[in-house]
PDB file of N, CA and C in Angstrom:
ATOM      1  N   MET A   1      91.808  -6.782 -25.533  1.00  0.00           N
ATOM      2  CA  MET A   1      90.394  -6.606 -26.000  1.00  0.00           C
ATOM      3  C   MET A   1      90.350  -6.737 -27.661  1.00  0.00           C
ATOM      4  N   ALA A   2      89.518  -7.705 -28.112  1.00  0.00           N
ATOM      5  CA  ALA A   2      89.372  -7.849 -29.482  1.00  0.00           C
ATOM      6  C   ALA A   2      88.764  -6.490 -30.266  1.00  0.00           C
ATOM      7  N   VAL A   3      89.408  -6.172 -31.164  1.00  0.00           N
ATOM      8  CA  VAL A   3      88.596  -4.842 -31.808  1.00  0.00           C
ATOM      9  C   VAL A   3      88.707  -5.431 -33.488  1.00  0.00           C
ATOM     10  N   PRO A   4      87.860  -5.028 -34.317  1.00  0.00           N
ATOM     11  CA  PRO A   4      87.900  -5.537 -35.573  1.00  0.00           C
ATOM     12  C   PRO A   4      88.940  -4.540 -36.316  1.00  0.00           C
ATOM     13  N   LYS A   5      89.573  -4.979 -37.251  1.00  0.00           N
ATOM     14  CA  LYS A   5      90.424  -4.290 -38.212  1.00  0.00           C
ATOM     15  C   LYS A   5      89.921  -3.501 -39.424  1.00  0.00           C
ATOM     16  N   HIS A   6      88.911  -4.140 -39.526  1.00  0.00           N
ATOM     17  CA  HIS A   6      87.999  -3.802 -41.062  1.00  0.00           C
ATOM     18  C   HIS A   6      86.447  -3.631 -40.755  1.00  0.00           C
ATOM     19  N   LYS A   7      85.914  -2.874 -41.440  1.00  0.00           N
ATOM     20  CA  LYS A   7      84.439  -2.611 -41.478  1.00  0.00           C
ATOM     21  C   LYS A   7      83.842  -4.076 -41.912  1.00  0.00           C
ATOM     22  N   VAL A   8      82.506  -4.278 -40.951  1.00  0.00           N
ATOM     23  CA  VAL A   8      81.869  -5.630 -41.429  1.00  0.00           C
ATOM     24  C   VAL A   8      80.790  -5.313 -42.421  1.00  0.00           C
ATOM     25  N   SER A   9      80.829  -5.772 -43.635  1.00  0.00           N
ATOM     26  CA  SER A   9      79.856  -5.177 -44.611  1.00  0.00           C
ATOM     27  C   SER A   9      78.369  -5.569 -44.043  1.00  0.00           C
ATOM     28  N   ARG A  10      77.536  -5.052 -44.906  1.00  0.00           N
ATOM     29  CA  ARG A  10      76.058  -5.108 -44.775  1.00  0.00           C
ATOM     30  C   ARG A  10      75.748  -6.835 -44.775  1.00  0.00           C
ATOM     31  N   SER A  11      76.406  -7.316 -46.096  1.00  0.00           N
ATOM     32  CA  SER A  11      76.009  -8.604 -46.346  1.00  0.00           C
ATOM     33  C   SER A  11      76.619  -9.516 -45.181  1.00  0.00           C
ATOM     34  N   LYS A  12      77.686  -9.307 -44.831  1.00  0.00           N
ATOM     35  CA  LYS A  12      78.576 -10.312 -43.645  1.00  0.00           C
ATOM     36  C   LYS A  12      77.829 -10.245 -42.428  1.00  0.00           C
ATOM     37  N   ARG A  13      77.309  -9.153 -42.079  1.00  0.00           N
ATOM     38  CA  ARG A  13      76.485  -8.726 -40.758  1.00  0.00           C
ATOM     39  C   ARG A  13      75.236  -9.620 -40.819  1.00  0.00           C
ATOM     40  N   ASP A  14      74.615  -9.379 -42.136  1.00  0.00           N
ATOM     41  CA  ASP A  14      73.005 -10.139 -42.186  1.00  0.00           C
ATOM     42  C   ASP A  14      73.102 -11.467 -42.275  1.00  0.00           C
ATOM     43  N   LYS A  15      74.067 -11.945 -42.928  1.00  0.00           N
ATOM     44  CA  LYS A  15      74.621 -13.585 -42.823  1.00  0.00           C
ATOM     45  C   LYS A  15      74.580 -14.004 -41.700  1.00  0.00           C
ATOM     46  N   ARG A  16      75.467 -13.649 -40.655  1.00  0.00           N
ATOM     47  CA  ARG A  16      75.511 -13.746 -39.178  1.00  0.00           C
ATOM     48  C   ARG A  16      74.360 -13.774 -38.575  1.00  0.00           C
ATOM     49  N   ARG A  17      73.217 -12.907 -38.806  1.00  0.00           N
ATOM     50  CA  ARG A  17      72.123 -12.697 -38.253  1.00  0.00           C
ATOM     51  C   ARG A  17      70.965 -13.695 -39.014  1.00  0.00           C
ATOM     52  N   THR A  18      70.986 -14.521 -39.921  1.00  0.00           N
ATOM     53  CA  THR A  18      69.951 -15.146 -40.122  1.00  0.00           C
ATOM     54  C   THR A  18      69.145 -16.139 -39.249  1.00  0.00           C
ATOM     55  N   HIS A  19      69.985 -16.570 -38.499  1.00  0.00           N
ATOM     56  CA  HIS A  19      69.101 -17.569 -37.494  1.00  0.00           C
ATOM     57  C   HIS A  19      68.766 -16.684 -36.241  1.00  0.00           C
ATOM     58  N   GLN A  20      68.687 -15.474 -36.093  1.00  0.00           N
ATOM     59  CA  GLN A  20      68.358 -14.602 -35.013  1.00  0.00           C
ATOM     60  C   GLN A  20      66.791 -13.972 -35.594  1.00  0.00           C
ATOM     61  N   LYS A  21      65.812 -14.995 -35.505  1.00  0.00           N
ATOM     62  CA  LYS A  21      64.413 -14.526 -35.871  1.00  0.00           C
ATOM     63  C   LYS A  21      63.420 -14.732 -34.883  1.00  0.00           C
ATOM     64  N   ALA A  22      62.590 -13.940 -35.052  1.00  0.00           N
ATOM     65  CA  ALA A  22      61.355 -14.365 -34.040  1.00  0.00           C
ATOM     66  C   ALA A  22      60.506 -15.627 -34.194  1.00  0.00           C
ATOM     67  N   LYS A  23      59.979 -16.400 -33.126  1.00  0.00           N
ATOM     68  CA  LYS A  23      59.219 -17.502 -33.620  1.00  0.00           C
ATOM     69  C   LYS A  23      57.757 -17.053 -33.533  1.00  0.00           C
ATOM     70  N   ALA A  24      56.763 -17.558 -33.926  1.00  0.00           N
ATOM     71  CA  ALA A  24      55.455 -17.401 -33.902  1.00  0.00           C
ATOM     72  C   ALA A  24      54.998 -17.911 -32.446  1.00  0.00           C
ATOM     73  N   PRO A  25      54.206 -17.178 -31.825  1.00  0.00           N
ATOM     74  CA  PRO A  25      53.615 -17.656 -30.654  1.00  0.00           C
ATOM     75  C   PRO A  25      52.780 -19.121 -30.570  1.00  0.00           C
ATOM     76  N   GLY A  26      52.923 -20.098 -29.392  1.00  0.00           N
ATOM     77  CA  GLY A  26      52.369 -21.225 -29.624  1.00  0.00           C
ATOM     78  C   GLY A  26      50.877 -21.174 -29.398  1.00  0.00           C
ATOM     79  N   LEU A  27      50.089 -21.484 -30.255  1.00  0.00           N
ATOM     80  CA  LEU A  27      48.559 -21.472 -30.214  1.00  0.00           C
ATOM     81  C   LEU A  27      47.864 -22.678 -29.889  1.00  0.00           C
ATOM     82  N   THR A  28      46.837 -22.871 -29.075  1.00  0.00           N
ATOM     83  CA  THR A  28      46.274 -24.158 -28.932  1.00  0.00           C
ATOM     84  C   THR A  28      44.630 -23.881 -29.094  1.00  0.00           C
ATOM     85  N   LYS A  29      44.099 -24.801 -29.210  1.00  0.00           N
ATOM     86  CA  LYS A  29      42.674 -24.654 -29.205  1.00  0.00           C
ATOM     87  C   LYS A  29      42.026 -24.648 -27.882  1.00  0.00           C
ATOM     88  N   CYS A  30      41.045 -23.834 -27.555  1.00  0.00           N
ATOM     89  CA  CYS A  30      40.260 -23.681 -26.303  1.00  0.00           C
ATOM     90  C   CYS A  30      39.545 -25.021 -26.135  1.00  0.00           C
ATOM     91  N   THR A  31      39.402 -25.739 -25.031  1.00  0.00           N
ATOM     92  CA  THR A  31      38.819 -26.783 -25.215  1.00  0.00           C
ATOM     93  C   THR A  31      37.273 -26.573 -24.710  1.00  0.00           C
ATOM     94  N   GLN A  32      36.722 -25.438 -24.541  1.00  0.00           N
ATOM     95  CA  GLN A  32      35.427 -25.120 -24.474  1.00  0.00           C
ATOM     96  C   GLN A  32      34.761 -24.869 -25.527  1.00  0.00           C
ATOM     97  N   CYS A  33      35.447 -23.632 -26.227  1.00  0.00           N
ATOM     98  CA  CYS A  33      34.798 -23.217 -27.221  1.00  0.00           C
ATOM     99  C   CYS A  33      35.496 -23.385 -28.781  1.00  0.00           C
ATOM    100  N   GLY A  34      36.764 -23.883 -28.635  1.00  0.00           N
ATOM    101  CA  GLY A  34      37.535 -24.291 -29.831  1.00  0.00           C
ATOM    102  C   GLY A  34      38.257 -22.991 -30.587  1.00  0.00           C
ATOM    103  N   GLU A  35      38.164 -21.810 -29.857  1.00  0.00           N
ATOM    104  CA  GLU A  35      38.616 -20.596 -30.347  1.00  0.00           C
ATOM    105  C   GLU A  35      40.427 -20.808 -30.293  1.00  0.00           C
ATOM    106  N   ALA A  36      41.240 -20.144 -31.102  1.00  0.00           N
ATOM    107  CA  ALA A  36      42.645 -20.305 -30.842  1.00  0.00           C
ATOM    108  C   ALA A  36      43.220 -19.278 -29.503  1.00  0.00           C
ATOM    109  N   VAL A  37      43.704 -19.923 -28.730  1.00  0.00           N
ATOM    110  CA  VAL A  37      44.463 -19.234 -27.563  1.00  0.00           C
ATOM    111  C   VAL A  37      45.859 -19.675 -27.491  1.00  0.00           C
ATOM    112  N   MET A  38      46.548 -18.699 -26.923  1.00  0.00           N
ATOM    113  CA  MET A  38      47.792 -18.532 -26.618  1.00  0.00           C
ATOM    114  C   MET A  38      48.281 -19.817 -25.329  1.00  0.00           C
ATOM    115  N   ALA A  39      49.143 -20.457 -25.658  1.00  0.00           N
ATOM    116  CA  ALA A  39      49.194 -21.508 -24.500  1.00  0.00           C
ATOM    117  C   ALA A  39      49.442 -21.028 -23.241  1.00  0.00           C
ATOM    118  N   HIS A  40      48.838 -21.729 -22.173  1.00  0.00           N
ATOM    119  CA  HIS A  40      49.076 -21.449 -20.627  1.00  0.00           C
ATOM    120  C   HIS A  40      48.191 -19.911 -20.270  1.00  0.00           C
ATOM    121  N   ARG A  41      47.286 -19.611 -21.207  1.00  0.00           N
ATOM    122  CA  ARG A  41      46.528 -18.340 -20.954  1.00  0.00           C
ATOM    123  C   ARG A  41      45.076 -18.756 -21.103  1.00  0.00           C
ATOM    124  N   ALA A  42      44.229 -17.790 -20.196  1.00  0.00           N
ATOM    125  CA  ALA A  42      42.886 -18.092 -20.206  1.00  0.00           C
ATOM    126  C   ALA A  42      42.220 -17.679 -21.437  1.00  0.00           C
ATOM    127  N   CYS A  43      41.161 -18.252 -22.099  1.00  0.00           N
ATOM    128  CA  CYS A  43      40.668 -18.022 -23.496  1.00  0.00           C
ATOM    129  C   CYS A  43      39.951 -16.653 -23.268  1.00  0.00           C
ATOM    130  N   PRO A  44      40.271 -15.415 -24.185  1.00  0.00           N
ATOM    131  CA  PRO A  44      39.636 -14.329 -24.054  1.00  0.00           C
ATOM    132  C   PRO A  44      38.039 -14.608 -24.600  1.00  0.00           C
ATOM    133  N   GLU A  45      37.726 -15.572 -25.382  1.00  0.00           N
ATOM    134  CA  GLU A  45      36.321 -15.586 -25.811  1.00  0.00           C
ATOM    135  C   GLU A  45      35.321 -16.112 -24.756  1.00  0.00           C
ATOM    136  N   CYS A  46      35.755 -17.202 -24.017  1.00  0.00           N
ATOM    137  CA  CYS A  46      34.709 -17.654 -23.273  1.00  0.00           C
ATOM    138  C   CYS A  46      35.391 -17.855 -21.525  1.00  0.00           C
ATOM    139  N   GLY A  47      36.482 -17.586 -21.437  1.00  0.00           N
ATOM    140  CA  GLY A  47      36.983 -17.293 -20.215  1.00  0.00           C
ATOM    141  C   GLY A  47      37.253 -18.556 -19.536  1.00  0.00           C
ATOM    142  N   HIS A  48      37.531 -19.505 -20.035  1.00  0.00           N
ATOM    143  CA  HIS A  48      37.910 -20.835 -19.350  1.00  0.00           C
ATOM    144  C   HIS A  48      39.427 -21.038 -19.409  1.00  0.00           C
ATOM    145  N   TYR A  49      40.087 -21.633 -18.500  1.00  0.00           N
ATOM    146  CA  TYR A  49      41.353 -22.217 -18.570  1.00  0.00           C
ATOM    147  C   TYR A  49      41.255 -23.328 -17.611  1.00  0.00           C
ATOM    148  N   ARG A  50      41.948 -24.703 -18.410  1.00  0.00           N
ATOM    149  CA  ARG A  50      42.025 -25.999 -17.971  1.00  0.00           C
ATOM    150  C   ARG A  50      40.691 -26.433 -17.136  1.00  0.00           C
ATOM    151  N   GLY A  51      39.571 -26.163 -17.977  1.00  0.00           N
ATOM    152  CA  GLY A  51      38.365 -26.777 -17.827  1.00  0.00           C
ATOM    153  C   GLY A  51      37.637 -25.933 -16.652  1.00  0.00           C
ATOM    154  N   ARG A  52      37.976 -24.899 -16.293  1.00  0.00           N
ATOM    155  CA  ARG A  52      37.188 -24.071 -15.096  1.00  0.00           C
ATOM    156  C   ARG A  52      36.953 -22.660 -15.684  1.00  0.00           C
ATOM    157  N   SER A  53      36.135 -22.052 -15.166  1.00  0.00           N
ATOM    158  CA  SER A  53      35.614 -20.775 -15.305  1.00  0.00           C
ATOM    159  C   SER A  53      36.528 -19.586 -14.774  1.00  0.00           C
ATOM    160  N   ILE A  54      37.539 -19.062 -15.409  1.00  0.00           N
ATOM    161  CA  ILE A  54      38.289 -18.109 -14.726  1.00  0.00           C
ATOM    162  C   ILE A  54      37.858 -16.830 -14.885  1.00  0.00           C
ATOM    163  N   ILE A  55      37.333 -16.204 -16.084  1.00  0.00           N
ATOM    164  CA  ILE A  55      37.127 -14.964 -16.197  1.00  0.00           C
ATOM    165  C   ILE A  55      35.568 -14.922 -16.484  1.00  0.00           C
ATOM    166  N   GLU A  56      34.798 -13.966 -16.170  1.00  0.00           N
ATOM    167  CA  GLU A  56      33.515 -13.868 -16.401  1.00  0.00           C
ATOM    168  C   GLU A  56      33.379 -13.218 -17.528  1.00  0.00           C
ATOM    169  N   THR A  57      32.686 -13.783 -18.466  1.00  0.00           N
ATOM    170  CA  THR A  57      32.368 -13.023 -19.680  1.00  0.00           C
ATOM    171  C   THR A  57      30.988 -12.838 -20.082  1.00  0.00           C
ATOM    172  N   GLU A  58      30.852 -11.644 -20.977  1.00  0.00           N
ATOM    173  CA  GLU A  58      29.244 -11.686 -21.341  1.00  0.00           C
ATOM    174  C   GLU A  58      29.070 -12.805 -22.347  1.00  0.00           C
ATOM    175  N   GLU A  59      27.871 -13.478 -22.484  1.00  0.00           N
ATOM    176  CA  GLU A  59      27.476 -14.207 -23.639  1.00  0.00           C
ATOM    177  C   GLU A  59      26.218 -13.873 -24.299  1.00  0.00           C
TER     178      GLU A  59
END
């Protein structure tokens, strides 16, 4: 089993982790009201998804 012989410095460790970062969520515009919405989810403002009213909202 592989075991490290020497301690890995903070610099070396962090250089290895530079590519492991969180991505921003994919946002799209709602076709009904134009509000920013996460992809594949109903719009929280108007309640529409793919041209249909899914959630009843107060207007």
